[in-house]
Protein backbone atom coordinates (compact mmCIF):
# COMPACT_ATOMS: atom_id res chain seq x y z
CA UNK A 1 -10.74 -14.65 -11.73
CA UNK A 2 -12.18 -14.91 -8.22
CA UNK A 3 -9.27 -17.00 -6.94
CA UNK A 4 -6.73 -14.61 -8.51
CA UNK A 5 -8.25 -11.53 -6.85
CA UNK A 6 -8.62 -13.40 -3.57
CA UNK A 7 -4.90 -14.19 -3.58
CA UNK A 8 -4.08 -10.56 -4.44
CA UNK A 9 -6.25 -9.33 -1.57
CA UNK A 10 -4.64 -11.68 0.96
CA UNK A 11 -1.10 -10.84 -0.15
CA UNK A 12 -1.57 -7.06 -0.37
CA UNK A 13 -3.71 -6.94 2.79
CA UNK A 14 -1.13 -8.88 4.79
CA UNK A 15 1.77 -6.90 3.31
CA UNK A 16 0.26 -3.52 4.17
CA UNK A 17 -0.79 -4.62 7.64
CA UNK A 18 2.77 -5.78 8.41
CA UNK A 19 4.28 -2.62 6.87
CA UNK A 20 2.02 -0.49 9.06
CA UNK A 21 3.33 -2.15 12.20
CA UNK A 22 6.90 -1.54 11.03
CA UNK A 23 6.03 2.13 10.62
CA UNK A 24 4.40 2.34 14.06
CA UNK A 25 7.25 0.60 15.84
CA UNK A 26 9.91 2.76 14.21
CA UNK A 27 11.86 0.10 12.35
CA UNK A 28 15.15 1.37 10.98
CA UNK A 29 13.95 0.75 7.42
CA UNK A 30 11.01 3.11 7.89
CA UNK A 31 13.09 5.82 9.52
CA UNK A 32 15.67 5.70 6.76
CA UNK A 33 12.97 5.74 4.07
CA UNK A 34 11.40 8.86 5.61
CA UNK A 35 14.78 10.62 5.59
CA UNK A 36 15.45 9.54 2.02
CA UNK A 37 12.05 10.82 0.86
CA UNK A 38 12.62 14.08 2.79
CA UNK A 39 9.62 13.59 5.07
CA UNK A 40 9.41 14.48 8.76
CA UNK A 41 9.93 11.63 11.22
CA UNK A 42 6.36 11.90 12.59
CA UNK A 43 5.05 11.17 9.10
CA UNK A 44 5.76 7.48 9.65
CA UNK A 45 2.75 7.38 11.99
CA UNK A 46 0.55 8.85 9.28
CA UNK A 47 1.99 6.36 6.82
CA UNK A 48 1.43 3.50 9.25
CA UNK A 49 -2.19 4.46 9.79
CA UNK A 50 -2.88 4.83 6.07
CA UNK A 51 -1.21 1.47 5.34
CA UNK A 52 -3.13 -0.24 8.14
CA UNK A 53 -6.45 1.03 6.82
CA UNK A 54 -5.62 -0.14 3.30
CA UNK A 55 -4.50 -3.55 4.51
CA UNK A 56 -7.57 -4.05 6.68
CA UNK A 57 -9.93 -2.98 3.91
CA UNK A 58 -8.28 -5.50 1.57
CA UNK A 59 -8.56 -8.29 4.13
CA UNK A 60 -12.16 -7.48 5.09
CA UNK A 61 -12.86 -7.28 1.35
CA UNK A 62 -12.44 -11.05 1.20
CA UNK A 63 -15.94 -11.26 2.67
CA UNK A 64 -17.42 -7.87 1.71
CA UNK A 65 -16.90 -6.72 -1.87
CA UNK A 66 -17.52 -3.07 -1.02
CA UNK A 67 -14.55 -3.14 1.36
CA UNK A 68 -12.44 -4.72 -1.39
CA UNK A 69 -13.29 -1.88 -3.76
CA UNK A 70 -12.53 0.75 -1.10
CA UNK A 71 -9.28 -1.02 -0.21
CA UNK A 72 -8.28 -1.23 -3.85
CA UNK A 73 -8.88 2.47 -4.41
CA UNK A 74 -7.17 3.35 -1.12
CA UNK A 75 -4.03 1.35 -1.88
CA UNK A 76 -3.94 2.62 -5.46
CA UNK A 77 -3.90 6.17 -4.08
CA UNK A 78 -1.13 5.22 -1.64
CA UNK A 79 0.90 3.84 -4.52
CA UNK A 80 0.37 6.96 -6.62
CA UNK A 81 1.68 9.11 -3.77
CA UNK A 82 4.57 6.69 -3.30
CA UNK A 83 5.47 6.88 -6.98
CA UNK A 84 5.47 10.68 -6.91
CA UNK A 85 7.60 10.79 -3.75
CA UNK A 86 10.09 8.31 -5.14
CA UNK A 87 10.32 10.20 -8.43
CA UNK A 88 10.91 13.40 -6.46
CA UNK A 89 13.76 11.62 -4.66
CA UNK A 90 15.22 10.66 -8.06
CA UNK A 91 14.92 6.91 -7.51
CA UNK A 92 15.37 4.53 -10.40
CA UNK A 93 12.43 3.00 -12.26
CA UNK A 94 13.49 -0.34 -10.81
CA UNK A 95 12.89 0.90 -7.26
CA UNK A 96 9.58 2.49 -8.30
CA UNK A 97 8.30 -0.62 -10.09
CA UNK A 98 6.94 -2.42 -6.97
CA UNK A 99 4.64 0.56 -6.31
CA UNK A 100 3.48 0.46 -9.93
CA UNK A 101 2.80 -3.28 -9.78
CA UNK A 102 0.93 -3.06 -6.46
CA UNK A 103 -1.11 -0.16 -7.86
CA UNK A 104 -2.08 -2.19 -10.92
CA UNK A 105 -3.00 -5.19 -8.77
CA UNK A 106 -5.11 -2.97 -6.51
CA UNK A 107 -6.97 -1.61 -9.52
CA UNK A 108 -7.55 -5.20 -10.60
CA UNK A 109 -9.17 -5.93 -7.23
CA UNK A 110 -11.44 -2.89 -7.68
CA UNK A 111 -12.55 -3.84 -11.16
CA UNK A 112 -13.12 -7.49 -10.26
CA UNK A 113 -15.32 -6.58 -7.29
CA UNK A 114 -17.50 -3.94 -8.97
């Protein structure tokens, strides 16, 4: 179980750290996603910061279990907000499913590190 959660932490931590930099730099994908979700353009900075914190907590959680638990809860909350926003934008369940899967994996990290 340890190896499985370690892999999850590395993948999710890296993913969210990279996504945060895309949000900060104003990648076209992020700008279009903000428009699609009917969010103000400045909100990508908030999103970038929140993603960066989640990613860093997951990565630091490799060595400190408390950080892994915090990162797991943090990213689960991000995914819940993402699911709600995508449902509000009438996206298909297929496009919402990555958020659901990442949320479940983040909960798994929390439970495994408690």
